[in-house]
Amino acid sequence: MNNYIEVGKIINTFGIKGELKIASDFEYKDRIFIKDFPVYIGELKEKELINSHRLHKNYDLTTFQNYTNINEVLKYKGKKVYVERKDLHLGSNEYLLNDLIGFEVYDEDKLLGIVIDYEMTPNSVLLKVRGRKTFYLPKIEVYIKNIDKLNKKIITDKGRELII
C-alpha cells in the first residue's frame, strides 16, 4: 500500500496572513485538519504541521506553523497535499475508499465484477464496478452486506446493481 495518501490540492491563498485554500473530499478530514497534524506538500513531500483550520464555501482554509504571511506560502499554490497512512490510525473496521479499488464484487456467490473507481456525490459514495456490464454500486448498507478487507471482496444484496 502507498505510504502517502493524497487528501487534496492547494487551490490558492486566502487573505494576507498565510492562509491556504485547500480543495479536499477526503473521507477522514476531521482527523487531519487539526492542530499539529503533519501534512506533506507537493512532489517533494515537504513536511508541514497544521496550525489552524476552518471551513469556507466547501474549502478547507488552513495555516501551517511558522507561516504568517501570504508571501511565505505562495510556493505551495497549486500543489497537492498528502498525509502518511500511519498517521491516520485507521481501526480494523476502517479503510480508505481508494483501498477498495481492485476488490471483487459478489452477489452472494456470483462474481459481478471488480471495483475500478469510485465517485463521491453529495448524498453517497458510488463504487464503479466493471464486469459483464459496468455499473455503479452505492456504498450504503442497503446495497452492500459486507466488505471483507482480508479477502478483498464486497458482498452485495441480491439484485441491487445499478447499470450505467
Protein backbone atom coordinates (compact mmCIF):
# COMPACT_ATOMS: atom_id res chain seq x y z
CA MET A 1 0.00 0.00 0.00
CA ASN A 2 1.09 3.53 -0.73
CA ASN A 3 2.61 5.25 2.29
CA TYR A 4 1.37 8.70 1.25
CA ILE A 5 -2.31 9.40 0.67
CA GLU A 6 -3.45 12.39 -1.38
CA VAL A 7 -6.00 14.37 0.60
CA GLY A 8 -6.44 17.50 -1.50
CA LYS A 9 -4.93 20.28 -3.54
CA ILE A 10 -3.98 23.82 -2.57
CA ILE A 11 -6.10 25.96 -4.87
CA ASN A 12 -4.99 29.40 -3.77
CA THR A 13 -4.05 31.61 -0.86
CA PHE A 14 -6.74 33.31 1.20
CA GLY A 15 -6.14 36.69 2.79
CA ILE A 16 -2.74 38.11 3.65
CA LYS A 17 -1.89 36.12 6.79
CA GLY A 18 -0.72 32.91 5.10
CA GLU A 19 -3.99 31.01 4.93
CA LEU A 20 -4.28 28.44 2.15
CA LYS A 21 -7.46 27.34 0.36
CA ILE A 22 -7.46 23.54 0.03
CA ALA A 23 -9.97 21.60 -2.10
CA SER A 24 -10.49 18.21 -0.45
CA ASP A 25 -13.11 15.50 -0.44
CA PHE A 26 -11.04 13.16 1.72
CA GLU A 27 -13.24 10.94 3.86
CA TYR A 28 -11.32 11.47 7.13
CA LYS A 29 -10.82 15.24 7.02
CA ASP A 30 -11.78 15.54 10.67
CA ARG A 31 -8.62 13.59 11.57
CA ILE A 32 -6.13 15.57 9.52
CA PHE A 33 -7.17 19.22 9.65
CA ILE A 34 -6.26 19.56 13.31
CA LYS A 35 -3.52 21.47 15.08
CA ASP A 36 -0.04 19.87 14.89
CA PHE A 37 -1.07 17.20 12.36
CA PRO A 38 1.73 16.57 9.82
CA VAL A 39 0.94 17.01 6.12
CA TYR A 40 3.26 16.72 3.12
CA ILE A 41 3.15 19.19 0.24
CA GLY A 42 3.95 18.63 -3.43
CA GLU A 43 6.03 16.01 -5.20
CA LEU A 44 8.92 16.53 -2.78
CA LYS A 45 6.59 15.87 0.19
CA GLU A 46 7.68 18.90 2.20
CA LYS A 47 6.53 18.32 5.76
CA GLU A 48 4.41 21.00 7.40
CA LEU A 49 2.34 21.00 10.58
CA ILE A 50 -1.23 22.29 10.62
CA ASN A 51 -1.62 25.40 12.75
CA SER A 52 -5.28 26.25 12.16
CA HIS A 53 -8.25 25.18 10.08
CA ARG A 54 -11.71 26.45 9.23
CA LEU A 55 -14.30 25.75 6.54
CA HIS A 56 -15.27 28.36 3.98
CA LYS A 57 -17.50 27.66 0.95
CA ASN A 58 -16.60 23.95 0.65
CA TYR A 59 -12.88 24.68 1.04
CA ASP A 60 -10.58 23.93 3.94
CA LEU A 61 -8.79 27.14 4.91
CA THR A 62 -5.60 26.11 6.62
CA THR A 63 -2.47 27.68 8.03
CA PHE A 64 0.82 25.93 8.68
CA GLN A 65 3.04 26.52 11.69
CA ASN A 66 5.73 29.20 11.30
CA TYR A 67 3.98 30.92 8.36
CA THR A 68 2.21 34.22 8.97
CA ASN A 69 2.38 35.95 5.61
CA ILE A 70 0.94 35.30 2.15
CA ASN A 71 4.38 35.67 0.56
CA GLU A 72 5.73 32.74 2.60
CA VAL A 73 3.07 30.28 1.39
CA LEU A 74 2.76 31.27 -2.28
CA LYS A 75 5.24 28.48 -3.09
CA TYR A 76 2.55 25.91 -2.22
CA LYS A 77 -0.13 27.26 -4.56
CA GLY A 78 -1.29 24.53 -6.97
CA LYS A 79 0.43 21.69 -5.09
CA LYS A 80 -1.15 18.51 -3.77
CA VAL A 81 -1.45 17.77 -0.07
CA TYR A 82 -0.63 14.32 1.33
CA VAL A 83 -0.69 12.55 4.67
CA GLU A 84 1.09 9.39 5.77
CA ARG A 85 -1.19 6.38 6.11
CA LYS A 86 0.22 5.52 9.56
CA ASP A 87 -0.79 8.96 10.90
CA LEU A 88 -4.47 8.27 10.17
CA HIS A 89 -4.62 5.50 12.81
CA LEU A 90 -7.33 3.57 10.97
CA GLY A 91 -9.16 0.98 13.05
CA SER A 92 -9.65 -2.63 11.98
CA ASN A 93 -13.09 -1.80 10.54
CA GLU A 94 -11.89 1.35 8.75
CA TYR A 95 -10.39 1.75 5.29
CA LEU A 96 -9.81 4.37 2.64
CA LEU A 97 -12.08 4.43 -0.40
CA ASN A 98 -9.02 4.12 -2.61
CA ASP A 99 -8.25 0.80 -0.91
CA LEU A 100 -11.46 -0.68 -2.36
CA ILE A 101 -10.17 -0.39 -5.93
CA GLY A 102 -9.40 -3.93 -7.09
CA PHE A 103 -11.88 -5.59 -4.71
CA GLU A 104 -14.09 -8.28 -6.26
CA VAL A 105 -17.84 -7.64 -6.00
CA TYR A 106 -20.08 -10.65 -5.40
CA ASP A 107 -23.84 -11.08 -5.35
CA GLU A 108 -23.75 -13.79 -2.68
CA ASP A 109 -21.53 -16.33 -4.54
CA LYS A 110 -21.73 -14.94 -8.11
CA LEU A 111 -18.89 -12.64 -9.22
CA LEU A 112 -20.32 -9.38 -10.61
CA GLY A 113 -17.06 -7.58 -11.32
CA ILE A 114 -14.15 -5.65 -9.87
CA VAL A 115 -14.16 -2.15 -8.36
CA ILE A 116 -12.27 0.11 -10.79
CA ASP A 117 -13.01 3.54 -9.32
CA TYR A 118 -15.30 5.49 -7.02
CA GLU A 119 -17.17 8.79 -7.21
CA MET A 120 -18.29 10.99 -4.37
CA THR A 121 -21.73 12.52 -4.73
CA PRO A 122 -23.44 14.90 -2.31
CA ASN A 123 -25.50 12.02 -0.91
CA SER A 124 -23.25 8.97 -1.08
CA VAL A 125 -20.20 7.26 -2.50
CA LEU A 126 -20.63 5.23 -5.69
CA LEU A 127 -18.28 2.35 -6.43
CA LYS A 128 -17.72 1.89 -10.16
CA VAL A 129 -17.66 -1.84 -10.93
CA ARG A 130 -16.55 -3.44 -14.19
CA GLY A 131 -17.89 -6.91 -15.03
CA ARG A 132 -20.07 -8.09 -17.93
CA LYS A 133 -21.54 -4.61 -17.62
CA THR A 134 -20.14 -1.53 -15.94
CA PHE A 135 -22.33 -0.28 -13.11
CA TYR A 136 -22.29 1.89 -10.02
CA LEU A 137 -22.83 0.38 -6.61
CA PRO A 138 -23.84 2.83 -3.86
CA LYS A 139 -21.67 2.31 -0.79
CA ILE A 140 -24.58 2.10 1.64
CA GLU A 141 -25.88 -0.73 3.80
CA VAL A 142 -28.99 -1.22 1.65
CA TYR A 143 -26.77 -2.42 -1.22
CA ILE A 144 -23.66 -3.78 0.49
CA LYS A 145 -23.89 -6.61 3.02
CA ASN A 146 -20.21 -6.98 3.83
CA ILE A 147 -16.76 -5.61 2.93
CA ASP A 148 -14.11 -8.25 3.55
CA LYS A 149 -10.76 -6.42 3.66
CA LEU A 150 -8.77 -9.60 4.20
CA ASN A 151 -10.04 -11.37 1.06
CA LYS A 152 -10.63 -8.16 -0.91
CA LYS A 153 -14.31 -8.92 -1.50
CA ILE A 154 -17.51 -6.92 -1.37
CA ILE A 155 -20.73 -8.88 -0.91
CA THR A 156 -23.87 -7.16 -2.22
CA ASP A 157 -27.55 -7.63 -1.58
CA LYS A 158 -29.00 -9.77 -4.37
CA GLY A 159 -30.17 -7.84 -7.42
CA ARG A 160 -29.17 -4.35 -6.27
CA GLU A 161 -26.73 -3.36 -9.05
CA LEU A 162 -27.21 -0.10 -10.95
CA ILE A 163 -26.44 -0.22 -14.68
CA ILE A 164 -24.85 2.73 -16.48
